[in-house]
Amino acid sequence: MPVYEYRCEQCTHQFEATQSIHARPEDTVCPQCSGVGASRVLSACASKVKGTHKPGFEEMKAYNMLHERMDRFSKLPPAMGKRVDVTTDMMSGDGTSTTEGNGA
């Protein structure tokens, strides 16, 4: 199972949790304050090249692109909407169902 990084919405504590890929971030419990409603945090991954390989232009370019993207992601506002469970009304496509946070 993958390890996810979270930030608690109540106490802003950052923590890791090993969960199924189907687990909902909203149901994750903070180990510090026991609050429910954490949000996932983007985390960088590491890779290792075996042997006598020296970093070249492509690796440096990829490293710089990673940091540029992480900087851009850190400046984004938090997600505006909550997850919505799909209902049969939504699947029918009649357009009569409404969701929270659509600005209407």
N, C-alpha and C. Protein backbone atom coordinates (compact mmCIF):
# COMPACT_ATOMS: atom_id res chain seq x y z
N MET A 1 0.85 -1.19 0.00
CA MET A 1 0.00 0.00 0.00
C MET A 1 0.89 1.24 0.00
N PRO A 2 0.44 2.29 -0.68
CA PRO A 2 1.26 3.51 -0.75
C PRO A 2 1.23 4.32 0.54
N VAL A 3 2.26 5.12 0.71
CA VAL A 3 2.35 6.04 1.84
C VAL A 3 2.00 7.43 1.33
N TYR A 4 1.04 8.08 1.98
CA TYR A 4 0.62 9.43 1.59
C TYR A 4 1.00 10.41 2.68
N GLU A 5 1.29 11.64 2.27
CA GLU A 5 1.55 12.71 3.22
C GLU A 5 0.29 13.55 3.35
N TYR A 6 -0.03 13.94 4.58
CA TYR A 6 -1.24 14.72 4.85
C TYR A 6 -0.92 15.94 5.70
N ARG A 7 -1.80 16.92 5.64
CA ARG A 7 -1.77 18.08 6.53
C ARG A 7 -3.16 18.17 7.16
N CYS A 8 -3.19 18.21 8.49
CA CYS A 8 -4.46 18.29 9.22
C CYS A 8 -5.06 19.68 9.03
N GLU A 9 -6.36 19.73 8.73
CA GLU A 9 -7.05 21.01 8.52
C GLU A 9 -7.27 21.75 9.84
N GLN A 10 -7.27 21.02 10.96
CA GLN A 10 -7.56 21.65 12.25
C GLN A 10 -6.30 22.16 12.96
N CYS A 11 -5.25 21.33 13.01
CA CYS A 11 -4.05 21.73 13.77
C CYS A 11 -2.84 21.96 12.87
N THR A 12 -2.97 21.80 11.56
CA THR A 12 -1.93 21.97 10.54
C THR A 12 -0.72 21.03 10.72
N HIS A 13 -0.90 19.96 11.49
CA HIS A 13 0.16 18.97 11.68
C HIS A 13 0.34 18.17 10.39
N GLN A 14 1.60 17.97 9.95
CA GLN A 14 1.88 17.16 8.77
C GLN A 14 2.27 15.76 9.23
N PHE A 15 1.70 14.74 8.56
CA PHE A 15 1.97 13.36 8.94
C PHE A 15 1.85 12.46 7.72
N GLU A 16 2.31 11.22 7.88
CA GLU A 16 2.23 10.22 6.82
C GLU A 16 1.25 9.14 7.23
N ALA A 17 0.59 8.55 6.23
CA ALA A 17 -0.34 7.45 6.49
C ALA A 17 -0.22 6.43 5.37
N THR A 18 -0.17 5.16 5.74
CA THR A 18 -0.18 4.08 4.77
C THR A 18 -1.63 3.68 4.55
N GLN A 19 -2.11 3.89 3.32
CA GLN A 19 -3.52 3.66 3.03
C GLN A 19 -3.69 3.02 1.67
N SER A 20 -4.88 2.50 1.45
CA SER A 20 -5.27 2.00 0.15
C SER A 20 -5.39 3.17 -0.82
N ILE A 21 -5.24 2.90 -2.11
CA ILE A 21 -5.39 3.98 -3.08
C ILE A 21 -6.84 4.45 -3.17
N HIS A 22 -7.77 3.68 -2.61
CA HIS A 22 -9.18 4.05 -2.63
C HIS A 22 -9.60 4.83 -1.39
N ALA A 23 -8.69 5.03 -0.44
CA ALA A 23 -9.02 5.75 0.79
C ALA A 23 -9.30 7.22 0.49
N ARG A 24 -10.27 7.79 1.17
CA ARG A 24 -10.64 9.19 0.98
C ARG A 24 -9.83 10.06 1.94
N PRO A 25 -9.18 11.11 1.44
CA PRO A 25 -8.40 11.99 2.31
C PRO A 25 -9.26 12.63 3.40
N GLU A 26 -10.54 12.88 3.11
CA GLU A 26 -11.41 13.53 4.09
C GLU A 26 -11.65 12.67 5.32
N ASP A 27 -11.47 11.34 5.18
CA ASP A 27 -11.72 10.43 6.29
C ASP A 27 -10.46 10.12 7.10
N THR A 28 -9.32 10.68 6.73
CA THR A 28 -8.06 10.41 7.41
C THR A 28 -8.03 11.15 8.74
N VAL A 29 -7.65 10.43 9.80
CA VAL A 29 -7.62 10.98 11.15
C VAL A 29 -6.21 11.44 11.49
N CYS A 30 -6.11 12.65 12.04
CA CYS A 30 -4.82 13.21 12.45
C CYS A 30 -4.34 12.49 13.71
N PRO A 31 -3.09 12.01 13.75
CA PRO A 31 -2.59 11.32 14.94
C PRO A 31 -2.33 12.27 16.12
N GLN A 32 -2.22 13.56 15.85
CA GLN A 32 -1.92 14.51 16.92
C GLN A 32 -3.18 14.99 17.63
N CYS A 33 -4.18 15.45 16.86
CA CYS A 33 -5.37 16.03 17.49
C CYS A 33 -6.61 15.16 17.30
N SER A 34 -6.49 14.04 16.60
CA SER A 34 -7.60 13.12 16.30
C SER A 34 -8.69 13.78 15.47
N GLY A 35 -8.36 14.86 14.79
CA GLY A 35 -9.32 15.54 13.93
C GLY A 35 -9.48 14.81 12.61
N VAL A 36 -10.67 14.89 12.04
CA VAL A 36 -10.96 14.27 10.75
C VAL A 36 -11.00 15.37 9.71
N GLY A 37 -10.46 15.11 8.55
CA GLY A 37 -10.51 16.10 7.48
C GLY A 37 -9.13 16.59 7.09
N ALA A 38 -8.21 15.69 6.86
CA ALA A 38 -6.87 16.08 6.43
C ALA A 38 -6.84 16.20 4.91
N SER A 39 -5.89 16.94 4.40
CA SER A 39 -5.73 17.07 2.95
C SER A 39 -4.37 16.51 2.55
N ARG A 40 -4.33 15.88 1.37
CA ARG A 40 -3.09 15.30 0.89
C ARG A 40 -2.13 16.40 0.46
N VAL A 41 -0.85 16.17 0.73
CA VAL A 41 0.21 17.10 0.37
C VAL A 41 1.05 16.45 -0.72
N LEU A 42 1.40 17.22 -1.75
CA LEU A 42 2.28 16.68 -2.78
C LEU A 42 3.67 16.49 -2.21
N SER A 43 4.26 15.35 -2.51
CA SER A 43 5.61 15.10 -2.01
C SER A 43 6.50 14.68 -3.17
N ALA A 44 7.76 14.99 -3.04
CA ALA A 44 8.73 14.63 -4.07
C ALA A 44 9.15 13.18 -3.87
N CYS A 45 9.55 12.56 -4.94
CA CYS A 45 10.05 11.20 -4.84
C CYS A 45 11.54 11.20 -5.17
N ALA A 46 12.22 10.20 -4.70
CA ALA A 46 13.67 10.11 -4.93
C ALA A 46 13.96 8.92 -5.82
N SER A 47 15.00 9.04 -6.60
CA SER A 47 15.46 7.92 -7.41
C SER A 47 16.98 7.86 -7.30
N LYS A 48 17.51 6.68 -7.53
CA LYS A 48 18.95 6.50 -7.40
C LYS A 48 19.47 5.79 -8.64
N VAL A 49 20.55 6.31 -9.19
CA VAL A 49 21.19 5.71 -10.35
C VAL A 49 22.37 4.90 -9.84
N LYS A 50 22.40 3.63 -10.18
CA LYS A 50 23.50 2.78 -9.74
C LYS A 50 24.66 2.86 -10.73
N GLY A 51 25.84 2.69 -10.23
CA GLY A 51 27.02 2.68 -11.09
C GLY A 51 27.80 3.98 -11.00
N THR A 52 28.61 4.23 -12.03
CA THR A 52 29.48 5.40 -12.03
C THR A 52 28.89 6.52 -12.87
N HIS A 53 27.60 6.60 -12.96
CA HIS A 53 26.93 7.61 -13.77
C HIS A 53 27.07 8.99 -13.12
N LYS A 54 27.46 9.97 -13.92
CA LYS A 54 27.54 11.34 -13.44
C LYS A 54 26.33 12.10 -13.97
N PRO A 55 25.73 12.98 -13.16
CA PRO A 55 24.56 13.72 -13.65
C PRO A 55 24.92 14.56 -14.86
N GLY A 56 24.10 14.45 -15.87
CA GLY A 56 24.33 15.22 -17.09
C GLY A 56 23.26 16.27 -17.27
N PHE A 57 23.19 16.79 -18.47
CA PHE A 57 22.26 17.88 -18.77
C PHE A 57 20.81 17.47 -18.55
N GLU A 58 20.43 16.27 -18.99
CA GLU A 58 19.03 15.83 -18.87
C GLU A 58 18.60 15.72 -17.41
N GLU A 59 19.47 15.19 -16.56
CA GLU A 59 19.13 15.07 -15.14
C GLU A 59 18.98 16.44 -14.49
N MET A 60 19.89 17.36 -14.83
CA MET A 60 19.81 18.71 -14.25
C MET A 60 18.55 19.42 -14.73
N LYS A 61 18.21 19.23 -16.01
CA LYS A 61 17.00 19.84 -16.56
C LYS A 61 15.76 19.28 -15.85
N ALA A 62 15.71 17.96 -15.65
CA ALA A 62 14.57 17.34 -14.97
C ALA A 62 14.49 17.82 -13.52
N TYR A 63 15.63 17.94 -12.85
CA TYR A 63 15.66 18.41 -11.47
C TYR A 63 15.12 19.84 -11.37
N ASN A 64 15.54 20.71 -12.29
CA ASN A 64 15.05 22.09 -12.30
C ASN A 64 13.55 22.15 -12.60
N MET A 65 13.08 21.31 -13.53
CA MET A 65 11.65 21.28 -13.84
C MET A 65 10.84 20.83 -12.63
N LEU A 66 11.36 19.84 -11.90
CA LEU A 66 10.67 19.36 -10.70
C LEU A 66 10.49 20.49 -9.70
N HIS A 67 11.55 21.23 -9.43
CA HIS A 67 11.47 22.32 -8.46
C HIS A 67 10.56 23.45 -8.93
N GLU A 68 10.56 23.74 -10.23
CA GLU A 68 9.65 24.76 -10.75
C GLU A 68 8.20 24.34 -10.56
N ARG A 69 7.89 23.08 -10.84
CA ARG A 69 6.52 22.59 -10.68
C ARG A 69 6.11 22.57 -9.22
N MET A 70 7.00 22.13 -8.34
CA MET A 70 6.67 22.10 -6.92
C MET A 70 6.42 23.51 -6.40
N ASP A 71 7.18 24.50 -6.88
CA ASP A 71 6.94 25.89 -6.48
C ASP A 71 5.58 26.36 -6.96
N ARG A 72 5.22 26.00 -8.21
CA ARG A 72 3.90 26.39 -8.73
C ARG A 72 2.77 25.73 -7.96
N PHE A 73 2.92 24.44 -7.63
CA PHE A 73 1.89 23.74 -6.87
C PHE A 73 1.72 24.32 -5.48
N SER A 74 2.81 24.76 -4.87
CA SER A 74 2.72 25.30 -3.51
C SER A 74 1.98 26.63 -3.48
N LYS A 75 1.91 27.33 -4.62
CA LYS A 75 1.22 28.62 -4.68
C LYS A 75 -0.26 28.49 -5.03
N LEU A 76 -0.71 27.28 -5.38
CA LEU A 76 -2.12 27.09 -5.73
C LEU A 76 -3.00 27.17 -4.48
N PRO A 77 -4.22 27.68 -4.62
CA PRO A 77 -5.14 27.68 -3.48
C PRO A 77 -5.59 26.26 -3.19
N PRO A 78 -6.08 25.99 -1.99
CA PRO A 78 -6.56 24.64 -1.67
C PRO A 78 -7.77 24.30 -2.55
N ALA A 79 -8.06 23.03 -2.67
CA ALA A 79 -9.18 22.58 -3.49
C ALA A 79 -10.47 23.23 -3.00
N MET A 80 -11.27 23.73 -3.93
CA MET A 80 -12.49 24.46 -3.57
C MET A 80 -13.64 23.53 -3.24
N GLY A 81 -13.78 22.43 -3.92
CA GLY A 81 -14.94 21.57 -3.72
C GLY A 81 -14.60 20.33 -2.93
N LYS A 82 -15.63 19.69 -2.46
CA LYS A 82 -15.48 18.41 -1.78
C LYS A 82 -15.80 17.31 -2.77
N ARG A 83 -15.40 16.11 -2.48
CA ARG A 83 -15.77 14.98 -3.32
C ARG A 83 -17.27 14.77 -3.24
N VAL A 84 -17.86 14.42 -4.35
CA VAL A 84 -19.29 14.17 -4.40
C VAL A 84 -19.49 12.74 -4.85
N ASP A 85 -20.32 11.99 -4.13
CA ASP A 85 -20.64 10.64 -4.55
C ASP A 85 -21.57 10.70 -5.75
N VAL A 86 -21.28 9.92 -6.76
CA VAL A 86 -22.08 9.92 -7.98
C VAL A 86 -23.40 9.23 -7.70
N THR A 87 -24.50 9.89 -8.09
CA THR A 87 -25.84 9.32 -7.92
C THR A 87 -26.38 8.90 -9.27
N THR A 88 -27.49 8.18 -9.26
CA THR A 88 -28.11 7.76 -10.51
C THR A 88 -28.63 8.95 -11.29
N ASP A 89 -29.04 10.03 -10.59
CA ASP A 89 -29.50 11.24 -11.28
C ASP A 89 -28.36 11.85 -12.10
N MET A 90 -27.16 11.84 -11.54
CA MET A 90 -26.02 12.40 -12.25
C MET A 90 -25.68 11.55 -13.47
N MET A 91 -25.82 10.24 -13.33
CA MET A 91 -25.48 9.33 -14.42
C MET A 91 -26.46 9.43 -15.57
N SER A 92 -27.73 9.81 -15.28
CA SER A 92 -28.73 9.88 -16.35
C SER A 92 -28.48 11.04 -17.28
N GLY A 93 -27.79 12.10 -16.79
CA GLY A 93 -27.46 13.23 -17.64
C GLY A 93 -28.61 14.14 -17.94
N ASP A 94 -29.65 14.15 -17.06
CA ASP A 94 -30.80 15.01 -17.33
C ASP A 94 -30.54 16.46 -16.97
N GLY A 95 -29.44 16.75 -16.26
CA GLY A 95 -29.07 18.13 -15.95
C GLY A 95 -29.85 18.75 -14.82
N THR A 96 -30.67 17.97 -14.11
CA THR A 96 -31.47 18.55 -13.04
C THR A 96 -30.78 18.48 -11.69
N SER A 97 -29.73 17.68 -11.54
CA SER A 97 -29.07 17.57 -10.25
C SER A 97 -28.08 18.72 -10.08
N THR A 98 -27.88 19.14 -8.84
CA THR A 98 -26.94 20.21 -8.53
C THR A 98 -25.92 19.70 -7.55
N THR A 99 -24.76 20.34 -7.53
CA THR A 99 -23.71 19.99 -6.58
C THR A 99 -23.32 21.22 -5.80
N GLU A 100 -22.72 20.98 -4.64
CA GLU A 100 -22.26 22.09 -3.80
C GLU A 100 -21.07 22.76 -4.45
N GLY A 101 -20.95 24.06 -4.24
CA GLY A 101 -19.76 24.78 -4.65
C GLY A 101 -19.68 25.07 -6.13
N ASN A 102 -20.81 25.00 -6.86
CA ASN A 102 -20.74 25.28 -8.28
C ASN A 102 -20.96 26.74 -8.60
N GLY A 103 -21.17 27.59 -7.59
CA GLY A 103 -21.29 29.02 -7.79
C GLY A 103 -22.68 29.46 -8.21
N ALA A 104 -23.64 28.56 -8.28
CA ALA A 104 -24.99 28.92 -8.70
C ALA A 104 -25.85 29.28 -7.53
